[in-house]
Amino acid sequence: MNSEFIKGKLVRDKIPAIIMQDGRKPVYHQASEEEYRTKLLDKLVEEATEFISAPSEEELADIVEVLDAIIDLFGFDIEEIENMKMSKLKNRGGFRERLILCSVMDD
């Protein structure tokens, strides 16, 4: 079995069909709401780890796809998320100046 497909792993919707086209038989089930939530959050960690190991646009696209699914699952409003992002950028800044906080000294 290809190590790309790990038992119990959340996969993209067309993966079972792709496996069948390859002449193999996938064994899968549709996750309950609770299992989907858990596996989707696991998938976010997996994709972030893959990006850290080998940064690429493809790996970043996988993260964005997972984030889109999380937004949908939790019923978040993408416009509200963007507004929060812009507010934080305005009030606290972004990360473009590459600042590393080493300590905070009390007077």
PDB file of N, CA and C in Angstrom:
ATOM      1  N   MET A   1       0.843  -1.186   0.000  1.00  0.00           N
ATOM      2  CA  MET A   1       0.000   0.000   0.000  1.00  0.00           C
ATOM      3  C   MET A   1       0.880   1.238   0.000  1.00  0.00           C
ATOM      4  N   ASN A   2       0.520   2.213  -0.789  1.00  0.00           N
ATOM      5  CA  ASN A   2       1.252   3.467  -0.884  1.00  0.00           C
ATOM      6  C   ASN A   2       1.183   4.196   0.441  1.00  0.00           C
ATOM      7  N   SER A   3       2.337   4.644   0.956  1.00  0.00           N
ATOM      8  CA  SER A   3       2.369   5.326   2.253  1.00  0.00           C
ATOM      9  C   SER A   3       1.651   6.663   2.210  1.00  0.00           C
ATOM     10  N   GLU A   4       1.329   7.159   1.005  1.00  0.00           N
ATOM     11  CA  GLU A   4       0.583   8.403   0.870  1.00  0.00           C
ATOM     12  C   GLU A   4      -0.806   8.272   1.503  1.00  0.00           C
ATOM     13  N   PHE A   5      -1.337   7.055   1.523  1.00  0.00           N
ATOM     14  CA  PHE A   5      -2.677   6.826   2.046  1.00  0.00           C
ATOM     15  C   PHE A   5      -2.586   6.052   3.355  1.00  0.00           C
ATOM     16  N   ILE A   6      -2.599   6.768   4.452  1.00  0.00           N
ATOM     17  CA  ILE A   6      -2.452   6.181   5.772  1.00  0.00           C
ATOM     18  C   ILE A   6      -3.834   5.860   6.326  1.00  0.00           C
ATOM     19  N   LYS A   7      -3.971   4.718   6.987  1.00  0.00           N
ATOM     20  CA  LYS A   7      -5.234   4.290   7.563  1.00  0.00           C
ATOM     21  C   LYS A   7      -5.810   5.364   8.483  1.00  0.00           C
ATOM     22  N   GLY A   8      -7.061   5.685   8.267  1.00  0.00           N
ATOM     23  CA  GLY A   8      -7.743   6.633   9.126  1.00  0.00           C
ATOM     24  C   GLY A   8      -7.447   8.090   8.808  1.00  0.00           C
ATOM     25  N   LYS A   9      -6.825   8.343   7.696  1.00  0.00           N
ATOM     26  CA  LYS A   9      -6.419   9.698   7.321  1.00  0.00           C
ATOM     27  C   LYS A   9      -7.495  10.357   6.463  1.00  0.00           C
ATOM     28  N   LEU A  10      -7.794  11.611   6.761  1.00  0.00           N
ATOM     29  CA  LEU A  10      -8.703  12.391   5.929  1.00  0.00           C
ATOM     30  C   LEU A  10      -8.032  12.654   4.593  1.00  0.00           C
ATOM     31  N   VAL A  11      -8.734  12.345   3.511  1.00  0.00           N
ATOM     32  CA  VAL A  11      -8.194  12.552   2.166  1.00  0.00           C
ATOM     33  C   VAL A  11      -9.155  13.405   1.352  1.00  0.00           C
ATOM     34  N   ARG A  12      -8.639  13.944   0.276  1.00  0.00           N
ATOM     35  CA  ARG A  12      -9.474  14.737  -0.627  1.00  0.00           C
ATOM     36  C   ARG A  12     -10.566  13.861  -1.235  1.00  0.00           C
ATOM     37  N   ASP A  13     -11.653  14.512  -1.631  1.00  0.00           N
ATOM     38  CA  ASP A  13     -12.863  13.826  -2.085  1.00  0.00           C
ATOM     39  C   ASP A  13     -12.654  12.844  -3.245  1.00  0.00           C
ATOM     40  N   LYS A  14     -11.746  13.146  -4.140  1.00  0.00           N
ATOM     41  CA  LYS A  14     -11.578  12.307  -5.335  1.00  0.00           C
ATOM     42  C   LYS A  14     -10.539  11.203  -5.172  1.00  0.00           C
ATOM     43  N   ILE A  15      -9.910  11.115  -4.013  1.00  0.00           N
ATOM     44  CA  ILE A  15      -8.855  10.114  -3.810  1.00  0.00           C
ATOM     45  C   ILE A  15      -9.367   8.682  -3.974  1.00  0.00           C
ATOM     46  N   PRO A  16     -10.541   8.305  -3.421  1.00  0.00           N
ATOM     47  CA  PRO A  16     -10.997   6.920  -3.663  1.00  0.00           C
ATOM     48  C   PRO A  16     -11.141   6.585  -5.146  1.00  0.00           C
ATOM     49  N   ALA A  17     -11.659   7.505  -5.942  1.00  0.00           N
ATOM     50  CA  ALA A  17     -11.806   7.262  -7.385  1.00  0.00           C
ATOM     51  C   ALA A  17     -10.441   7.142  -8.058  1.00  0.00           C
ATOM     52  N   ILE A  18      -9.496   7.958  -7.640  1.00  0.00           N
ATOM     53  CA  ILE A  18      -8.140   7.891  -8.205  1.00  0.00           C
ATOM     54  C   ILE A  18      -7.501   6.542  -7.876  1.00  0.00           C
ATOM     55  N   ILE A  19      -7.709   6.057  -6.663  1.00  0.00           N
ATOM     56  CA  ILE A  19      -7.183   4.739  -6.275  1.00  0.00           C
ATOM     57  C   ILE A  19      -7.814   3.649  -7.135  1.00  0.00           C
ATOM     58  N   MET A  20      -9.125   3.731  -7.369  1.00  0.00           N
ATOM     59  CA  MET A  20      -9.814   2.733  -8.204  1.00  0.00           C
ATOM     60  C   MET A  20      -9.307   2.766  -9.644  1.00  0.00           C
ATOM     61  N   GLN A  21      -9.040   3.956 -10.157  1.00  0.00           N
ATOM     62  CA  GLN A  21      -8.506   4.074 -11.522  1.00  0.00           C
ATOM     63  C   GLN A  21      -7.146   3.404 -11.639  1.00  0.00           C
ATOM     64  N   ASP A  22      -6.449   3.305 -10.523  1.00  0.00           N
ATOM     65  CA  ASP A  22      -5.133   2.664 -10.484  1.00  0.00           C
ATOM     66  C   ASP A  22      -5.259   1.151 -10.312  1.00  0.00           C
ATOM     67  N   GLY A  23      -6.509   0.638 -10.313  1.00  0.00           N
ATOM     68  CA  GLY A  23      -6.726  -0.794 -10.205  1.00  0.00           C
ATOM     69  C   GLY A  23      -6.709  -1.329  -8.787  1.00  0.00           C
ATOM     70  N   ARG A  24      -6.744  -0.442  -7.810  1.00  0.00           N
ATOM     71  CA  ARG A  24      -6.749  -0.863  -6.413  1.00  0.00           C
ATOM     72  C   ARG A  24      -8.121  -0.581  -5.810  1.00  0.00           C
ATOM     73  N   LYS A  25      -8.378  -1.142  -4.631  1.00  0.00           N
ATOM     74  CA  LYS A  25      -9.678  -0.979  -3.991  1.00  0.00           C
ATOM     75  C   LYS A  25      -9.525  -0.207  -2.680  1.00  0.00           C
ATOM     76  N   PRO A  26     -10.048   1.010  -2.641  1.00  0.00           N
ATOM     77  CA  PRO A  26      -9.977   1.768  -1.394  1.00  0.00           C
ATOM     78  C   PRO A  26     -11.044   1.319  -0.407  1.00  0.00           C
ATOM     79  N   VAL A  27     -10.701   1.304   0.847  1.00  0.00           N
ATOM     80  CA  VAL A  27     -11.670   1.039   1.910  1.00  0.00           C
ATOM     81  C   VAL A  27     -11.769   2.332   2.695  1.00  0.00           C
ATOM     82  N   TYR A  28     -12.967   2.905   2.727  1.00  0.00           N
ATOM     83  CA  TYR A  28     -13.138   4.212   3.358  1.00  0.00           C
ATOM     84  C   TYR A  28     -14.559   4.357   3.889  1.00  0.00           C
ATOM     85  N   HIS A  29     -14.781   5.393   4.679  1.00  0.00           N
ATOM     86  CA  HIS A  29     -16.117   5.714   5.169  1.00  0.00           C
ATOM     87  C   HIS A  29     -16.248   7.230   5.263  1.00  0.00           C
ATOM     88  N   GLN A  30     -17.476   7.678   5.323  1.00  0.00           N
ATOM     89  CA  GLN A  30     -17.704   9.103   5.505  1.00  0.00           C
ATOM     90  C   GLN A  30     -17.709   9.396   7.002  1.00  0.00           C
ATOM     91  N   ALA A  31     -16.923  10.388   7.393  1.00  0.00           N
ATOM     92  CA  ALA A  31     -16.753  10.712   8.808  1.00  0.00           C
ATOM     93  C   ALA A  31     -18.005  11.336   9.407  1.00  0.00           C
ATOM     94  N   SER A  32     -18.217  11.051  10.668  1.00  0.00           N
ATOM     95  CA  SER A  32     -19.247  11.772  11.423  1.00  0.00           C
ATOM     96  C   SER A  32     -18.766  13.203  11.602  1.00  0.00           C
ATOM     97  N   GLU A  33     -19.637  14.060  12.082  1.00  0.00           N
ATOM     98  CA  GLU A  33     -19.263  15.456  12.336  1.00  0.00           C
ATOM     99  C   GLU A  33     -18.075  15.539  13.301  1.00  0.00           C
ATOM    100  N   GLU A  34     -18.134  14.771  14.376  1.00  0.00           N
ATOM    101  CA  GLU A  34     -17.072  14.792  15.389  1.00  0.00           C
ATOM    102  C   GLU A  34     -15.751  14.268  14.826  1.00  0.00           C
ATOM    103  N   GLU A  35     -15.819  13.137  14.109  1.00  0.00           N
ATOM    104  CA  GLU A  35     -14.594  12.581  13.530  1.00  0.00           C
ATOM    105  C   GLU A  35     -14.019  13.528  12.478  1.00  0.00           C
ATOM    106  N   TYR A  36     -14.876  14.117  11.670  1.00  0.00           N
ATOM    107  CA  TYR A  36     -14.422  15.055  10.634  1.00  0.00           C
ATOM    108  C   TYR A  36     -13.694  16.238  11.259  1.00  0.00           C
ATOM    109  N   ARG A  37     -14.250  16.790  12.320  1.00  0.00           N
ATOM    110  CA  ARG A  37     -13.619  17.924  13.004  1.00  0.00           C
ATOM    111  C   ARG A  37     -12.213  17.538  13.482  1.00  0.00           C
ATOM    112  N   THR A  38     -12.113  16.386  14.120  1.00  0.00           N
ATOM    113  CA  THR A  38     -10.820  15.911  14.629  1.00  0.00           C
ATOM    114  C   THR A  38      -9.835  15.679  13.490  1.00  0.00           C
ATOM    115  N   LYS A  39     -10.272  14.972  12.462  1.00  0.00           N
ATOM    116  CA  LYS A  39      -9.379  14.638  11.342  1.00  0.00           C
ATOM    117  C   LYS A  39      -8.987  15.876  10.549  1.00  0.00           C
ATOM    118  N   LEU A  40      -9.890  16.852  10.447  1.00  0.00           N
ATOM    119  CA  LEU A  40      -9.575  18.075   9.718  1.00  0.00           C
ATOM    120  C   LEU A  40      -8.518  18.890  10.452  1.00  0.00           C
ATOM    121  N   LEU A  41      -8.628  18.954  11.766  1.00  0.00           N
ATOM    122  CA  LEU A  41      -7.608  19.657  12.541  1.00  0.00           C
ATOM    123  C   LEU A  41      -6.270  18.914  12.487  1.00  0.00           C
ATOM    124  N   ASP A  42      -6.330  17.576  12.498  1.00  0.00           N
ATOM    125  CA  ASP A  42      -5.110  16.782  12.307  1.00  0.00           C
ATOM    126  C   ASP A  42      -4.487  17.078  10.941  1.00  0.00           C
ATOM    127  N   LYS A  43      -5.338  17.215   9.931  1.00  0.00           N
ATOM    128  CA  LYS A  43      -4.880  17.492   8.573  1.00  0.00           C
ATOM    129  C   LYS A  43      -4.181  18.847   8.502  1.00  0.00           C
ATOM    130  N   LEU A  44      -4.678  19.825   9.253  1.00  0.00           N
ATOM    131  CA  LEU A  44      -4.040  21.140   9.282  1.00  0.00           C
ATOM    132  C   LEU A  44      -2.608  21.019   9.813  1.00  0.00           C
ATOM    133  N   VAL A  45      -2.443  20.269  10.887  1.00  0.00           N
ATOM    134  CA  VAL A  45      -1.105  20.054  11.451  1.00  0.00           C
ATOM    135  C   VAL A  45      -0.224  19.310  10.442  1.00  0.00           C
ATOM    136  N   GLU A  46      -0.781  18.275   9.803  1.00  0.00           N
ATOM    137  CA  GLU A  46      -0.029  17.497   8.807  1.00  0.00           C
ATOM    138  C   GLU A  46       0.457  18.391   7.670  1.00  0.00           C
ATOM    139  N   GLU A  47      -0.459  19.191   7.123  1.00  0.00           N
ATOM    140  CA  GLU A  47      -0.094  20.035   5.988  1.00  0.00           C
ATOM    141  C   GLU A  47       0.903  21.118   6.399  1.00  0.00           C
ATOM    142  N   ALA A  48       0.742  21.681   7.595  1.00  0.00           N
ATOM    143  CA  ALA A  48       1.692  22.690   8.070  1.00  0.00           C
ATOM    144  C   ALA A  48       3.069  22.063   8.255  1.00  0.00           C
ATOM    145  N   THR A  49       3.117  20.851   8.774  1.00  0.00           N
ATOM    146  CA  THR A  49       4.383  20.140   8.962  1.00  0.00           C
ATOM    147  C   THR A  49       5.053  19.876   7.614  1.00  0.00           C
ATOM    148  N   GLU A  50       4.260  19.479   6.625  1.00  0.00           N
ATOM    149  CA  GLU A  50       4.816  19.247   5.286  1.00  0.00           C
ATOM    150  C   GLU A  50       5.368  20.544   4.703  1.00  0.00           C
ATOM    151  N   PHE A  51       4.655  21.659   4.926  1.00  0.00           N
ATOM    152  CA  PHE A  51       5.130  22.946   4.428  1.00  0.00           C
ATOM    153  C   PHE A  51       6.438  23.345   5.113  1.00  0.00           C
ATOM    154  N   ILE A  52       6.519  23.125   6.413  1.00  0.00           N
ATOM    155  CA  ILE A  52       7.741  23.452   7.155  1.00  0.00           C
ATOM    156  C   ILE A  52       8.916  22.637   6.612  1.00  0.00           C
ATOM    157  N   SER A  53       8.673  21.377   6.296  1.00  0.00           N
ATOM    158  CA  SER A  53       9.734  20.498   5.780  1.00  0.00           C
ATOM    159  C   SER A  53      10.175  20.874   4.374  1.00  0.00           C
ATOM    160  N   ALA A  54       9.214  21.304   3.559  1.00  0.00           N
ATOM    161  CA  ALA A  54       9.521  21.614   2.157  1.00  0.00           C
ATOM    162  C   ALA A  54       8.585  22.721   1.671  1.00  0.00           C
ATOM    163  N   PRO A  55       8.909  23.978   2.010  1.00  0.00           N
ATOM    164  CA  PRO A  55       8.041  25.084   1.602  1.00  0.00           C
ATOM    165  C   PRO A  55       7.863  25.146   0.083  1.00  0.00           C
ATOM    166  N   SER A  56       6.598  25.205  -0.335  1.00  0.00           N
ATOM    167  CA  SER A  56       6.294  25.325  -1.763  1.00  0.00           C
ATOM    168  C   SER A  56       4.881  25.875  -1.905  1.00  0.00           C
ATOM    169  N   GLU A  57       4.590  26.388  -3.079  1.00  0.00           N
ATOM    170  CA  GLU A  57       3.239  26.872  -3.347  1.00  0.00           C
ATOM    171  C   GLU A  57       2.226  25.734  -3.258  1.00  0.00           C
ATOM    172  N   GLU A  58       2.628  24.542  -3.698  1.00  0.00           N
ATOM    173  CA  GLU A  58       1.724  23.388  -3.648  1.00  0.00           C
ATOM    174  C   GLU A  58       1.362  23.038  -2.205  1.00  0.00           C
ATOM    175  N   GLU A  59       2.350  23.018  -1.326  1.00  0.00           N
ATOM    176  CA  GLU A  59       2.074  22.720   0.082  1.00  0.00           C
ATOM    177  C   GLU A  59       1.235  23.828   0.711  1.00  0.00           C
ATOM    178  N   LEU A  60       1.498  25.064   0.346  1.00  0.00           N
ATOM    179  CA  LEU A  60       0.702  26.176   0.853  1.00  0.00           C
ATOM    180  C   LEU A  60      -0.732  26.087   0.350  1.00  0.00           C
ATOM    181  N   ALA A  61      -0.920  25.653  -0.888  1.00  0.00           N
ATOM    182  CA  ALA A  61      -2.272  25.464  -1.432  1.00  0.00           C
ATOM    183  C   ALA A  61      -3.032  24.411  -0.629  1.00  0.00           C
ATOM    184  N   ASP A  62      -2.340  23.367  -0.186  1.00  0.00           N
ATOM    185  CA  ASP A  62      -2.978  22.343   0.649  1.00  0.00           C
ATOM    186  C   ASP A  62      -3.449  22.948   1.974  1.00  0.00           C
ATOM    187  N   ILE A  63      -2.620  23.804   2.563  1.00  0.00           N
ATOM    188  CA  ILE A  63      -3.004  24.466   3.819  1.00  0.00           C
ATOM    189  C   ILE A  63      -4.238  25.336   3.596  1.00  0.00           C
ATOM    190  N   VAL A  64      -4.250  26.088   2.505  1.00  0.00           N
ATOM    191  CA  VAL A  64      -5.392  26.959   2.207  1.00  0.00           C
ATOM    192  C   VAL A  64      -6.660  26.124   2.017  1.00  0.00           C
ATOM    193  N   GLU A  65      -6.561  24.989   1.352  1.00  0.00           N
ATOM    194  CA  GLU A  65      -7.720  24.106   1.152  1.00  0.00           C
ATOM    195  C   GLU A  65      -8.259  23.618   2.492  1.00  0.00           C
ATOM    196  N   VAL A  66      -7.351  23.226   3.390  1.00  0.00           N
ATOM    197  CA  VAL A  66      -7.769  22.780   4.718  1.00  0.00           C
ATOM    198  C   VAL A  66      -8.407  23.939   5.491  1.00  0.00           C
ATOM    199  N   LEU A  67      -7.817  25.124   5.403  1.00  0.00           N
ATOM    200  CA  LEU A  67      -8.403  26.283   6.077  1.00  0.00           C
ATOM    201  C   LEU A  67      -9.790  26.599   5.532  1.00  0.00           C
ATOM    202  N   ASP A  68      -9.986  26.481   4.224  1.00  0.00           N
ATOM    203  CA  ASP A  68     -11.317  26.683   3.636  1.00  0.00           C
ATOM    204  C   ASP A  68     -12.324  25.685   4.212  1.00  0.00           C
ATOM    205  N   ALA A  69     -11.904  24.433   4.368  1.00  0.00           N
ATOM    206  CA  ALA A  69     -12.781  23.408   4.937  1.00  0.00           C
ATOM    207  C   ALA A  69     -13.099  23.713   6.400  1.00  0.00           C
ATOM    208  N   ILE A  70     -12.122  24.205   7.147  1.00  0.00           N
ATOM    209  CA  ILE A  70     -12.339  24.568   8.554  1.00  0.00           C
ATOM    210  C   ILE A  70     -13.313  25.736   8.653  1.00  0.00           C
ATOM    211  N   ILE A  71     -13.142  26.733   7.797  1.00  0.00           N
ATOM    212  CA  ILE A  71     -14.060  27.873   7.773  1.00  0.00           C
ATOM    213  C   ILE A  71     -15.485  27.388   7.530  1.00  0.00           C
ATOM    214  N   ASP A  72     -15.646  26.478   6.586  1.00  0.00           N
ATOM    215  CA  ASP A  72     -16.966  25.927   6.270  1.00  0.00           C
ATOM    216  C   ASP A  72     -17.512  25.101   7.436  1.00  0.00           C
ATOM    217  N   LEU A  73     -16.691  24.234   8.003  1.00  0.00           N
ATOM    218  CA  LEU A  73     -17.119  23.364   9.096  1.00  0.00           C
ATOM    219  C   LEU A  73     -17.626  24.166  10.291  1.00  0.00           C
ATOM    220  N   PHE A  74     -16.893  25.182  10.668  1.00  0.00           N
ATOM    221  CA  PHE A  74     -17.249  25.965  11.839  1.00  0.00           C
ATOM    222  C   PHE A  74     -18.250  27.082  11.532  1.00  0.00           C
ATOM    223  N   GLY A  75     -18.586  27.246  10.265  1.00  0.00           N
ATOM    224  CA  GLY A  75     -19.538  28.276   9.875  1.00  0.00           C
ATOM    225  C   GLY A  75     -18.993  29.686  10.037  1.00  0.00           C
ATOM    226  N   PHE A  76     -17.675  29.823   9.915  1.00  0.00           N
ATOM    227  CA  PHE A  76     -17.061  31.139  10.042  1.00  0.00           C
ATOM    228  C   PHE A  76     -17.362  31.972   8.795  1.00  0.00           C
ATOM    229  N   ASP A  77     -17.341  33.275   8.962  1.00  0.00           N
ATOM    230  CA  ASP A  77     -17.581  34.221   7.878  1.00  0.00           C
ATOM    231  C   ASP A  77     -16.229  34.716   7.374  1.00  0.00           C
ATOM    232  N   ILE A  78     -15.899  34.413   6.123  1.00  0.00           N
ATOM    233  CA  ILE A  78     -14.593  34.772   5.575  1.00  0.00           C
ATOM    234  C   ILE A  78     -14.383  36.280   5.575  1.00  0.00           C
ATOM    235  N   GLU A  79     -15.448  37.042   5.361  1.00  0.00           N
ATOM    236  CA  GLU A  79     -15.319  38.500   5.398  1.00  0.00           C
ATOM    237  C   GLU A  79     -14.986  38.980   6.807  1.00  0.00           C
ATOM    238  N   GLU A  80     -15.595  38.372   7.802  1.00  0.00           N
ATOM    239  CA  GLU A  80     -15.306  38.734   9.193  1.00  0.00           C
ATOM    240  C   GLU A  80     -13.868  38.368   9.547  1.00  0.00           C
ATOM    241  N   ILE A  81     -13.406  37.238   9.065  1.00  0.00           N
ATOM    242  CA  ILE A  81     -12.015  36.832   9.295  1.00  0.00           C
ATOM    243  C   ILE A  81     -11.072  37.850   8.659  1.00  0.00           C
ATOM    244  N   GLU A  82     -11.373  38.248   7.452  1.00  0.00           N
ATOM    245  CA  GLU A  82     -10.534  39.246   6.767  1.00  0.00           C
ATOM    246  C   GLU A  82     -10.559  40.573   7.511  1.00  0.00           C
ATOM    247  N   ASN A  83     -11.729  40.966   8.015  1.00  0.00           N
ATOM    248  CA  ASN A  83     -11.823  42.204   8.802  1.00  0.00           C
ATOM    249  C   ASN A  83     -10.970  42.120  10.069  1.00  0.00           C
ATOM    250  N   MET A  84     -11.020  40.971  10.752  1.00  0.00           N
ATOM    251  CA  MET A  84     -10.197  40.777  11.955  1.00  0.00           C
ATOM    252  C   MET A  84      -8.714  40.838  11.607  1.00  0.00           C
ATOM    253  N   LYS A  85      -8.363  40.210  10.509  1.00  0.00           N
ATOM    254  CA  LYS A  85      -6.975  40.220  10.060  1.00  0.00           C
ATOM    255  C   LYS A  85      -6.507  41.654   9.816  1.00  0.00           C
ATOM    256  N   MET A  86      -7.320  42.440   9.120  1.00  0.00           N
ATOM    257  CA  MET A  86      -6.957  43.824   8.815  1.00  0.00           C
ATOM    258  C   MET A  86      -6.887  44.665  10.086  1.00  0.00           C
ATOM    259  N   SER A  87      -7.782  44.427  11.023  1.00  0.00           N
ATOM    260  CA  SER A  87      -7.771  45.158  12.287  1.00  0.00           C
ATOM    261  C   SER A  87      -6.486  44.850  13.066  1.00  0.00           C
ATOM    262  N   LYS A  88      -6.125  43.580  13.126  1.00  0.00           N
ATOM    263  CA  LYS A  88      -4.882  43.202  13.818  1.00  0.00           C
ATOM    264  C   LYS A  88      -3.667  43.793  13.108  1.00  0.00           C
ATOM    265  N   LEU A  89      -3.700  43.797  11.799  1.00  0.00           N
ATOM    266  CA  LEU A  89      -2.600  44.383  11.037  1.00  0.00           C
ATOM    267  C   LEU A  89      -2.464  45.866  11.361  1.00  0.00           C
ATOM    268  N   LYS A  90      -3.592  46.569  11.410  1.00  0.00           N
ATOM    269  CA  LYS A  90      -3.580  48.004  11.706  1.00  0.00           C
ATOM    270  C   LYS A  90      -3.128  48.280  13.142  1.00  0.00           C
ATOM    271  N   ASN A  91      -3.654  47.519  14.102  1.00  0.00           N
ATOM    272  CA  ASN A  91      -3.402  47.795  15.514  1.00  0.00           C
ATOM    273  C   ASN A  91      -2.119  47.172  16.067  1.00  0.00           C
ATOM    274  N   ARG A  92      -1.740  46.024  15.543  1.00  0.00           N
ATOM    275  CA  ARG A  92      -0.588  45.309  16.108  1.00  0.00           C
ATOM    276  C   ARG A  92       0.522  45.068  15.091  1.00  0.00           C
ATOM    277  N   GLY A  93       0.208  45.327  13.836  1.00  0.00           N
ATOM    278  CA  GLY A  93       1.194  45.129  12.777  1.00  0.00           C
ATOM    279  C   GLY A  93       1.159  43.708  12.240  1.00  0.00           C
ATOM    280  N   GLY A  94       2.002  43.491  11.248  1.00  0.00           N
ATOM    281  CA  GLY A  94       2.110  42.168  10.640  1.00  0.00           C
ATOM    282  C   GLY A  94       3.407  41.507  11.078  1.00  0.00           C
ATOM    283  N   PHE A  95       4.018  40.778  10.177  1.00  0.00           N
ATOM    284  CA  PHE A  95       5.259  40.069  10.483  1.00  0.00           C
ATOM    285  C   PHE A  95       6.371  40.414   9.495  1.00  0.00           C
ATOM    286  N   ARG A  96       6.156  41.427   8.687  1.00  0.00           N
ATOM    287  CA  ARG A  96       7.099  41.741   7.617  1.00  0.00           C
ATOM    288  C   ARG A  96       8.416  42.344   8.108  1.00  0.00           C
ATOM    289  N   GLU A  97       8.422  42.926   9.288  1.00  0.00           N
ATOM    290  CA  GLU A  97       9.659  43.514   9.800  1.00  0.00           C
ATOM    291  C   GLU A  97      10.555  42.481  10.478  1.00  0.00           C
ATOM    292  N   ARG A  98      10.078  41.245  10.592  1.00  0.00           N
ATOM    293  CA  ARG A  98      10.885  40.120  11.084  1.00  0.00           C
ATOM    294  C   ARG A  98      11.390  40.342  12.508  1.00  0.00           C
ATOM    295  N   LEU A  99      10.573  40.936  13.350  1.00  0.00           N
ATOM    296  CA  LEU A  99      10.980  41.250  14.720  1.00  0.00           C
ATOM    297  C   LEU A  99      10.900  40.018  15.609  1.00  0.00           C
ATOM    298  N   ILE A 100      11.942  39.783  16.381  1.00  0.00           N
ATOM    299  CA  ILE A 100      12.002  38.674  17.331  1.00  0.00           C
ATOM    300  C   ILE A 100      12.085  39.266  18.720  1.00  0.00           C
ATOM    301  N   LEU A 101      11.089  39.012  19.566  1.00  0.00           N
ATOM    302  CA  LEU A 101      11.071  39.520  20.945  1.00  0.00           C
ATOM    303  C   LEU A 101      11.884  38.576  21.816  1.00  0.00           C
ATOM    304  N   CYS A 102      12.944  39.101  22.402  1.00  0.00           N
ATOM    305  CA  CYS A 102      13.848  38.273  23.208  1.00  0.00           C
ATOM    306  C   CYS A 102      13.506  38.314  24.689  1.00  0.00           C
ATOM    307  N   SER A 103      13.057  39.468  25.160  1.00  0.00           N
ATOM    308  CA  SER A 103      12.660  39.576  26.567  1.00  0.00           C
ATOM    309  C   SER A 103      11.906  40.877  26.738  1.00  0.00           C
ATOM    310  N   VAL A 104      11.315  41.041  27.905  1.00  0.00           N
ATOM    311  CA  VAL A 104      10.632  42.277  28.298  1.00  0.00           C
ATOM    312  C   VAL A 104      11.154  42.652  29.666  1.00  0.00           C
ATOM    313  N   MET A 105      11.700  43.823  29.774  1.00  0.00           N
ATOM    314  CA  MET A 105      12.293  44.295  31.031  1.00  0.00           C
ATOM    315  C   MET A 105      11.274  45.154  31.778  1.00  0.00           C
ATOM    316  N   ASP A 106      11.069  44.868  33.048  1.00  0.00           N
ATOM    317  CA  ASP A 106      10.243  45.715  33.893  1.00  0.00           C
ATOM    318  C   ASP A 106      11.088  46.875  34.391  1.00  0.00           C
ATOM    319  N   ASP A 107      10.464  48.033  34.557  1.00  0.00           N
ATOM    320  CA  ASP A 107      11.190  49.216  35.073  1.00  0.00           C
ATOM    321  C   ASP A 107      11.597  49.048  36.496  1.00  0.00           C
TER     322      ASP A 107
END
